[in-house]
């Protein structure tokens, strides 16, 4: 169950990623999902707070984009996540 969180989307260099920083029933976690391949680049990892999660997700996405498409991570627009 999502308590609160944020997400961002990157479509660049043939890659489509979704970055998450969420506080859920397990705690605060961050992750990065590759929409194109339907795989997790960085599966859920615990962080101290939402801001740290945003930073960690951006680090994972930056490294992935540099390696896979040789492009730089653009500025991210974080959106509030909705619980269901």
PDB file of N, CA and C in Angstrom:
ATOM      1  N   UNK A   1       0.836  -1.178   0.000  1.00  0.00           N
ATOM      2  CA  UNK A   1       0.000   0.000   0.000  1.00  0.00           C
ATOM      3  C   UNK A   1       0.881   1.242   0.000  1.00  0.00           C
ATOM      4  N   UNK A   2       0.637   2.119  -0.942  1.00  0.00           N
ATOM      5  CA  UNK A   2       1.394   3.348  -1.071  1.00  0.00           C
ATOM      6  C   UNK A   2       0.901   4.376  -0.055  1.00  0.00           C
ATOM      7  N   UNK A   3       1.831   4.904   0.722  1.00  0.00           N
ATOM      8  CA  UNK A   3       1.497   5.956   1.686  1.00  0.00           C
ATOM      9  C   UNK A   3       1.682   7.315   1.012  1.00  0.00           C
ATOM     10  N   UNK A   4       2.848   7.530   0.425  1.00  0.00           N
ATOM     11  CA  UNK A   4       3.083   8.689  -0.436  1.00  0.00           C
ATOM     12  C   UNK A   4       4.327   8.423  -1.267  1.00  0.00           C
ATOM     13  N   UNK A   5       4.560   9.266  -2.253  1.00  0.00           N
ATOM     14  CA  UNK A   5       5.725   9.068  -3.095  1.00  0.00           C
ATOM     15  C   UNK A   5       5.679   9.943  -4.319  1.00  0.00           C
ATOM     16  N   UNK A   6       6.737   9.807  -5.122  1.00  0.00           N
ATOM     17  CA  UNK A   6       6.862  10.559  -6.370  1.00  0.00           C
ATOM     18  C   UNK A   6       7.403   9.639  -7.450  1.00  0.00           C
ATOM     19  N   UNK A   7       7.198  10.047  -8.711  1.00  0.00           N
ATOM     20  CA  UNK A   7       7.739   9.296  -9.832  1.00  0.00           C
ATOM     21  C   UNK A   7       8.098  10.279 -10.942  1.00  0.00           C
ATOM     22  N   UNK A   8       8.999   9.838 -11.815  1.00  0.00           N
ATOM     23  CA  UNK A   8       9.408  10.649 -12.962  1.00  0.00           C
ATOM     24  C   UNK A   8       9.573   9.725 -14.155  1.00  0.00           C
ATOM     25  N   UNK A   9       9.453  10.288 -15.339  1.00  0.00           N
ATOM     26  CA  UNK A   9       9.559   9.500 -16.560  1.00  0.00           C
ATOM     27  C   UNK A   9      10.614  10.112 -17.470  1.00  0.00           C
ATOM     28  N   UNK A  10      11.407   9.242 -18.112  1.00  0.00           N
ATOM     29  CA  UNK A  10      12.429   9.677 -19.052  1.00  0.00           C
ATOM     30  C   UNK A  10      12.242   8.886 -20.341  1.00  0.00           C
ATOM     31  N   UNK A  11      12.082   9.601 -21.448  1.00  0.00           N
ATOM     32  CA  UNK A  11      12.040   8.980 -22.767  1.00  0.00           C
ATOM     33  C   UNK A  11      13.126   9.679 -23.574  1.00  0.00           C
ATOM     34  N   UNK A  12      14.215   8.936 -23.851  1.00  0.00           N
ATOM     35  CA  UNK A  12      15.395   9.557 -24.440  1.00  0.00           C
ATOM     36  C   UNK A  12      16.293   8.494 -25.048  1.00  0.00           C
ATOM     37  N   UNK A  13      16.837   8.752 -26.208  1.00  0.00           N
ATOM     38  CA  UNK A  13      17.807   7.842 -26.810  1.00  0.00           C
ATOM     39  C   UNK A  13      17.275   6.435 -27.022  1.00  0.00           C
ATOM     40  N   UNK A  14      15.990   6.310 -27.320  1.00  0.00           N
ATOM     41  CA  UNK A  14      15.393   4.997 -27.504  1.00  0.00           C
ATOM     42  C   UNK A  14      15.077   4.268 -26.214  1.00  0.00           C
ATOM     43  N   UNK A  15      15.257   4.928 -25.080  1.00  0.00           N
ATOM     44  CA  UNK A  15      14.972   4.331 -23.773  1.00  0.00           C
ATOM     45  C   UNK A  15      13.744   4.993 -23.156  1.00  0.00           C
ATOM     46  N   UNK A  16      12.999   4.217 -22.396  1.00  0.00           N
ATOM     47  CA  UNK A  16      11.812   4.721 -21.700  1.00  0.00           C
ATOM     48  C   UNK A  16      11.883   4.191 -20.270  1.00  0.00           C
ATOM     49  N   UNK A  17      12.188   5.077 -19.333  1.00  0.00           N
ATOM     50  CA  UNK A  17      12.374   4.693 -17.937  1.00  0.00           C
ATOM     51  C   UNK A  17      11.352   5.381 -17.045  1.00  0.00           C
ATOM     52  N   UNK A  18      11.002   4.706 -15.954  1.00  0.00           N
ATOM     53  CA  UNK A  18      10.194   5.308 -14.887  1.00  0.00           C
ATOM     54  C   UNK A  18      10.969   5.165 -13.583  1.00  0.00           C
ATOM     55  N   UNK A  19      11.109   6.274 -12.893  1.00  0.00           N
ATOM     56  CA  UNK A  19      11.837   6.329 -11.634  1.00  0.00           C
ATOM     57  C   UNK A  19      10.829   6.520 -10.505  1.00  0.00           C
ATOM     58  N   UNK A  20      11.039   5.816  -9.406  1.00  0.00           N
ATOM     59  CA  UNK A  20      10.110   5.881  -8.281  1.00  0.00           C
ATOM     60  C   UNK A  20      10.842   6.125  -6.964  1.00  0.00           C
ATOM     61  N   UNK A  21      10.216   6.894  -6.099  1.00  0.00           N
ATOM     62  CA  UNK A  21      10.647   7.051  -4.718  1.00  0.00           C
ATOM     63  C   UNK A  21       9.368   7.058  -3.902  1.00  0.00           C
ATOM     64  N   UNK A  22       9.171   5.997  -3.122  1.00  0.00           N
ATOM     65  CA  UNK A  22       7.873   5.795  -2.487  1.00  0.00           C
ATOM     66  C   UNK A  22       7.988   5.358  -1.030  1.00  0.00           C
ATOM     67  N   UNK A  23       7.028   5.796  -0.268  1.00  0.00           N
ATOM     68  CA  UNK A  23       6.874   5.326   1.110  1.00  0.00           C
ATOM     69  C   UNK A  23       5.674   4.397   1.093  1.00  0.00           C
ATOM     70  N   UNK A  24       5.912   3.112   1.359  1.00  0.00           N
ATOM     71  CA  UNK A  24       4.832   2.127   1.338  1.00  0.00           C
ATOM     72  C   UNK A  24       4.841   1.323   2.638  1.00  0.00           C
ATOM     73  N   UNK A  25       4.107   0.252   2.685  1.00  0.00           N
ATOM     74  CA  UNK A  25       3.985  -0.548   3.903  1.00  0.00           C
ATOM     75  C   UNK A  25       5.326  -1.131   4.353  1.00  0.00           C
ATOM     76  N   UNK A  26       6.255  -1.314   3.426  1.00  0.00           N
ATOM     77  CA  UNK A  26       7.564  -1.880   3.752  1.00  0.00           C
ATOM     78  C   UNK A  26       8.524  -0.814   4.273  1.00  0.00           C
ATOM     79  N   UNK A  27       8.305   0.433   3.895  1.00  0.00           N
ATOM     80  CA  UNK A  27       9.190   1.530   4.268  1.00  0.00           C
ATOM     81  C   UNK A  27       9.384   2.447   3.070  1.00  0.00           C
ATOM     82  N   UNK A  28      10.447   3.231   3.082  1.00  0.00           N
ATOM     83  CA  UNK A  28      10.736   4.123   1.961  1.00  0.00           C
ATOM     84  C   UNK A  28      11.690   3.388   1.026  1.00  0.00           C
ATOM     85  N   UNK A  29      11.316   3.351  -0.257  1.00  0.00           N
ATOM     86  CA  UNK A  29      12.097   2.611  -1.240  1.00  0.00           C
ATOM     87  C   UNK A  29      12.221   3.406  -2.530  1.00  0.00           C
ATOM     88  N   UNK A  30      13.253   3.074  -3.302  1.00  0.00           N
ATOM     89  CA  UNK A  30      13.450   3.672  -4.615  1.00  0.00           C
ATOM     90  C   UNK A  30      13.647   2.561  -5.631  1.00  0.00           C
ATOM     91  N   UNK A  31      13.277   2.833  -6.874  1.00  0.00           N
ATOM     92  CA  UNK A  31      13.458   1.849  -7.941  1.00  0.00           C
ATOM     93  C   UNK A  31      13.415   2.547  -9.297  1.00  0.00           C
ATOM     94  N   UNK A  32      13.924   1.834 -10.320  1.00  0.00           N
ATOM     95  CA  UNK A  32      13.897   2.339 -11.695  1.00  0.00           C
ATOM     96  C   UNK A  32      13.442   1.203 -12.597  1.00  0.00           C
ATOM     97  N   UNK A  33      12.433   1.486 -13.430  1.00  0.00           N
ATOM     98  CA  UNK A  33      11.830   0.486 -14.301  1.00  0.00           C
ATOM     99  C   UNK A  33      12.029   0.867 -15.756  1.00  0.00           C
ATOM    100  N   UNK A  34      12.427  -0.108 -16.584  1.00  0.00           N
ATOM    101  CA  UNK A  34      12.566   0.098 -18.019  1.00  0.00           C
ATOM    102  C   UNK A  34      11.251  -0.325 -18.669  1.00  0.00           C
ATOM    103  N   UNK A  35      10.492   0.637 -19.143  1.00  0.00           N
ATOM    104  CA  UNK A  35       9.178   0.366 -19.718  1.00  0.00           C
ATOM    105  C   UNK A  35       9.306  -0.430 -21.014  1.00  0.00           C
ATOM    106  N   UNK A  36      10.335  -0.123 -21.812  1.00  0.00           N
ATOM    107  CA  UNK A  36      10.523  -0.791 -23.095  1.00  0.00           C
ATOM    108  C   UNK A  36      10.790  -2.278 -22.967  1.00  0.00           C
ATOM    109  N   UNK A  37      11.641  -2.652 -22.038  1.00  0.00           N
ATOM    110  CA  UNK A  37      11.995  -4.068 -21.873  1.00  0.00           C
ATOM    111  C   UNK A  37      11.181  -4.750 -20.784  1.00  0.00           C
ATOM    112  N   UNK A  38      10.390  -3.959 -20.061  1.00  0.00           N
ATOM    113  CA  UNK A  38       9.575  -4.469 -18.949  1.00  0.00           C
ATOM    114  C   UNK A  38      10.432  -5.186 -17.900  1.00  0.00           C
ATOM    115  N   UNK A  39      11.552  -4.538 -17.568  1.00  0.00           N
ATOM    116  CA  UNK A  39      12.461  -5.081 -16.553  1.00  0.00           C
ATOM    117  C   UNK A  39      12.849  -3.968 -15.580  1.00  0.00           C
ATOM    118  N   UNK A  40      13.265  -4.391 -14.401  1.00  0.00           N
ATOM    119  CA  UNK A  40      13.728  -3.439 -13.394  1.00  0.00           C
ATOM    120  C   UNK A  40      15.217  -3.201 -13.600  1.00  0.00           C
ATOM    121  N   UNK A  41      15.601  -1.954 -13.778  1.00  0.00           N
ATOM    122  CA  UNK A  41      17.018  -1.583 -13.844  1.00  0.00           C
ATOM    123  C   UNK A  41      17.574  -1.581 -12.433  1.00  0.00           C
ATOM    124  N   UNK A  42      16.805  -1.039 -11.533  1.00  0.00           N
ATOM    125  CA  UNK A  42      17.176  -1.013 -10.118  1.00  0.00           C
ATOM    126  C   UNK A  42      15.940  -1.420  -9.327  1.00  0.00           C
ATOM    127  N   UNK A  43      15.880  -2.683  -8.904  1.00  0.00           N
ATOM    128  CA  UNK A  43      14.719  -3.098  -8.116  1.00  0.00           C
ATOM    129  C   UNK A  43      14.682  -2.345  -6.788  1.00  0.00           C
ATOM    130  N   UNK A  44      13.593  -2.435  -6.100  1.00  0.00           N
ATOM    131  CA  UNK A  44      13.390  -1.685  -4.858  1.00  0.00           C
ATOM    132  C   UNK A  44      14.568  -1.819  -3.905  1.00  0.00           C
ATOM    133  N   UNK A  45      15.041  -0.668  -3.450  1.00  0.00           N
ATOM    134  CA  UNK A  45      16.083  -0.648  -2.424  1.00  0.00           C
ATOM    135  C   UNK A  45      15.671   0.351  -1.350  1.00  0.00           C
ATOM    136  N   UNK A  46      15.955   0.028  -0.110  1.00  0.00           N
ATOM    137  CA  UNK A  46      15.553   0.919   0.981  1.00  0.00           C
ATOM    138  C   UNK A  46      16.391   2.201   1.010  1.00  0.00           C
ATOM    139  N   UNK A  47      15.727   3.306   1.337  1.00  0.00           N
ATOM    140  CA  UNK A  47      16.381   4.606   1.518  1.00  0.00           C
ATOM    141  C   UNK A  47      15.795   5.252   2.767  1.00  0.00           C
ATOM    142  N   UNK A  48      16.436   6.312   3.231  1.00  0.00           N
ATOM    143  CA  UNK A  48      15.977   6.971   4.456  1.00  0.00           C
ATOM    144  C   UNK A  48      14.727   7.819   4.273  1.00  0.00           C
ATOM    145  N   UNK A  49      14.608   8.484   3.105  1.00  0.00           N
ATOM    146  CA  UNK A  49      13.452   9.347   2.870  1.00  0.00           C
ATOM    147  C   UNK A  49      13.220   9.517   1.372  1.00  0.00           C
ATOM    148  N   UNK A  50      12.132  10.171   1.017  1.00  0.00           N
ATOM    149  CA  UNK A  50      11.742  10.358  -0.382  1.00  0.00           C
ATOM    150  C   UNK A  50      12.838  11.099  -1.157  1.00  0.00           C
ATOM    151  N   UNK A  51      13.430  12.119  -0.559  1.00  0.00           N
ATOM    152  CA  UNK A  51      14.467  12.899  -1.256  1.00  0.00           C
ATOM    153  C   UNK A  51      15.687  12.031  -1.580  1.00  0.00           C
ATOM    154  N   UNK A  52      16.121  11.219  -0.627  1.00  0.00           N
ATOM    155  CA  UNK A  52      17.242  10.316  -0.898  1.00  0.00           C
ATOM    156  C   UNK A  52      16.857   9.328  -2.002  1.00  0.00           C
ATOM    157  N   UNK A  53      15.608   8.880  -1.999  1.00  0.00           N
ATOM    158  CA  UNK A  53      15.132   7.972  -3.032  1.00  0.00           C
ATOM    159  C   UNK A  53      15.184   8.600  -4.411  1.00  0.00           C
ATOM    160  N   UNK A  54      14.816   9.866  -4.505  1.00  0.00           N
ATOM    161  CA  UNK A  54      14.888  10.574  -5.786  1.00  0.00           C
ATOM    162  C   UNK A  54      16.327  10.643  -6.281  1.00  0.00           C
ATOM    163  N   UNK A  55      17.246  10.943  -5.382  1.00  0.00           N
ATOM    164  CA  UNK A  55      18.666  11.026  -5.748  1.00  0.00           C
ATOM    165  C   UNK A  55      19.209   9.668  -6.210  1.00  0.00           C
ATOM    166  N   UNK A  56      18.880   8.613  -5.467  1.00  0.00           N
ATOM    167  CA  UNK A  56      19.359   7.265  -5.818  1.00  0.00           C
ATOM    168  C   UNK A  56      18.783   6.800  -7.151  1.00  0.00           C
ATOM    169  N   UNK A  57      17.477   7.037  -7.364  1.00  0.00           N
ATOM    170  CA  UNK A  57      16.855   6.656  -8.629  1.00  0.00           C
ATOM    171  C   UNK A  57      17.511   7.395  -9.789  1.00  0.00           C
ATOM    172  N   UNK A  58      17.776   8.687  -9.611  1.00  0.00           N
ATOM    173  CA  UNK A  58      18.431   9.469 -10.658  1.00  0.00           C
ATOM    174  C   UNK A  58      19.836   8.936 -10.934  1.00  0.00           C
ATOM    175  N   UNK A  59      20.565   8.544  -9.893  1.00  0.00           N
ATOM    176  CA  UNK A  59      21.908   7.970 -10.083  1.00  0.00           C
ATOM    177  C   UNK A  59      21.842   6.694 -10.911  1.00  0.00           C
ATOM    178  N   UNK A  60      20.900   5.812 -10.579  1.00  0.00           N
ATOM    179  CA  UNK A  60      20.744   4.566 -11.338  1.00  0.00           C
ATOM    180  C   UNK A  60      20.384   4.858 -12.796  1.00  0.00           C
ATOM    181  N   UNK A  61      19.435   5.756 -13.008  1.00  0.00           N
ATOM    182  CA  UNK A  61      18.997   6.091 -14.366  1.00  0.00           C
ATOM    183  C   UNK A  61      20.131   6.745 -15.151  1.00  0.00           C
ATOM    184  N   UNK A  62      20.874   7.636 -14.520  1.00  0.00           N
ATOM    185  CA  UNK A  62      21.996   8.320 -15.180  1.00  0.00           C
ATOM    186  C   UNK A  62      23.030   7.310 -15.666  1.00  0.00           C
ATOM    187  N   UNK A  63      23.399   6.379 -14.803  1.00  0.00           N
ATOM    188  CA  UNK A  63      24.395   5.363 -15.169  1.00  0.00           C
ATOM    189  C   UNK A  63      23.865   4.464 -16.289  1.00  0.00           C
ATOM    190  N   UNK A  64      22.608   4.074 -16.195  1.00  0.00           N
ATOM    191  CA  UNK A  64      22.023   3.203 -17.211  1.00  0.00           C
ATOM    192  C   UNK A  64      21.987   3.903 -18.574  1.00  0.00           C
ATOM    193  N   UNK A  65      21.510   5.148 -18.605  1.00  0.00           N
ATOM    194  CA  UNK A  65      21.411   5.880 -19.867  1.00  0.00           C
ATOM    195  C   UNK A  65      22.777   6.121 -20.492  1.00  0.00           C
ATOM    196  N   UNK A  66      23.766   6.389 -19.673  1.00  0.00           N
ATOM    197  CA  UNK A  66      25.121   6.612 -20.184  1.00  0.00           C
ATOM    198  C   UNK A  66      25.654   5.346 -20.839  1.00  0.00           C
ATOM    199  N   UNK A  67      25.427   4.204 -20.194  1.00  0.00           N
ATOM    200  CA  UNK A  67      25.929   2.928 -20.704  1.00  0.00           C
ATOM    201  C   UNK A  67      25.125   2.437 -21.908  1.00  0.00           C
ATOM    202  N   UNK A  68      23.810   2.512 -21.846  1.00  0.00           N
ATOM    203  CA  UNK A  68      22.979   1.906 -22.884  1.00  0.00           C
ATOM    204  C   UNK A  68      22.802   2.778 -24.121  1.00  0.00           C
ATOM    205  N   UNK A  69      22.708   4.087 -23.949  1.00  0.00           N
ATOM    206  CA  UNK A  69      22.418   4.960 -25.088  1.00  0.00           C
ATOM    207  C   UNK A  69      23.410   6.110 -25.237  1.00  0.00           C
ATOM    208  N   UNK A  70      24.396   6.186 -24.345  1.00  0.00           N
ATOM    209  CA  UNK A  70      25.393   7.253 -24.345  1.00  0.00           C
ATOM    210  C   UNK A  70      24.731   8.640 -24.361  1.00  0.00           C
ATOM    211  N   UNK A  71      23.709   8.803 -23.522  1.00  0.00           N
ATOM    212  CA  UNK A  71      23.026  10.089 -23.372  1.00  0.00           C
ATOM    213  C   UNK A  71      23.027  10.474 -21.902  1.00  0.00           C
ATOM    214  N   UNK A  72      22.890  11.767 -21.662  1.00  0.00           N
ATOM    215  CA  UNK A  72      22.859  12.289 -20.301  1.00  0.00           C
ATOM    216  C   UNK A  72      21.417  12.342 -19.786  1.00  0.00           C
ATOM    217  N   UNK A  73      21.255  12.123 -18.517  1.00  0.00           N
ATOM    218  CA  UNK A  73      19.941  12.214 -17.884  1.00  0.00           C
ATOM    219  C   UNK A  73      19.477  13.675 -17.919  1.00  0.00           C
ATOM    220  N   UNK A  74      18.299  13.931 -18.486  1.00  0.00           N
ATOM    221  CA  UNK A  74      17.793  15.312 -18.502  1.00  0.00           C
ATOM    222  C   UNK A  74      17.264  15.695 -17.117  1.00  0.00           C
ATOM    223  N   UNK A  75      16.954  16.978 -16.917  1.00  0.00           N
ATOM    224  CA  UNK A  75      16.317  17.373 -15.656  1.00  0.00           C
ATOM    225  C   UNK A  75      15.014  16.589 -15.480  1.00  0.00           C
ATOM    226  N   UNK A  76      14.766  16.138 -14.281  1.00  0.00           N
ATOM    227  CA  UNK A  76      13.598  15.312 -14.008  1.00  0.00           C
ATOM    228  C   UNK A  76      12.443  16.151 -13.489  1.00  0.00           C
ATOM    229  N   UNK A  77      11.245  15.808 -13.924  1.00  0.00           N
ATOM    230  CA  UNK A  77      10.027  16.428 -13.410  1.00  0.00           C
ATOM    231  C   UNK A  77       9.322  15.382 -12.557  1.00  0.00           C
ATOM    232  N   UNK A  78       9.454  15.513 -11.247  1.00  0.00           N
ATOM    233  CA  UNK A  78       8.859  14.545 -10.327  1.00  0.00           C
ATOM    234  C   UNK A  78       7.386  14.858 -10.136  1.00  0.00           C
ATOM    235  N   UNK A  79       6.571  13.816 -10.209  1.00  0.00           N
ATOM    236  CA  UNK A  79       5.123  13.946 -10.042  1.00  0.00           C
ATOM    237  C   UNK A  79       4.698  13.169  -8.803  1.00  0.00           C
ATOM    238  N   UNK A  80       3.683  13.655  -8.159  1.00  0.00           N
ATOM    239  CA  UNK A  80       3.174  12.991  -6.965  1.00  0.00           C
ATOM    240  C   UNK A  80       2.511  11.651  -7.357  1.00  0.00           C
ATOM    241  N   UNK A  81       2.879  10.601  -6.653  1.00  0.00           N
ATOM    242  CA  UNK A  81       2.285   9.286  -6.896  1.00  0.00           C
ATOM    243  C   UNK A  81       0.930   9.213  -6.210  1.00  0.00           C
ATOM    244  N   UNK A  82       0.034   8.455  -6.796  1.00  0.00           N
ATOM    245  CA  UNK A  82      -1.302   8.299  -6.221  1.00  0.00           C
ATOM    246  C   UNK A  82      -1.454   6.913  -5.648  1.00  0.00           C
ATOM    247  N   UNK A  83      -2.033   6.839  -4.476  1.00  0.00           N
ATOM    248  CA  UNK A  83      -2.321   5.526  -3.891  1.00  0.00           C
ATOM    249  C   UNK A  83      -3.647   5.024  -4.449  1.00  0.00           C
ATOM    250  N   UNK A  84      -3.819   3.730  -4.406  1.00  0.00           N
ATOM    251  CA  UNK A  84      -5.059   3.153  -4.944  1.00  0.00           C
ATOM    252  C   UNK A  84      -5.889   2.595  -3.844  1.00  0.00           C
TER     253      UNK A  84
END
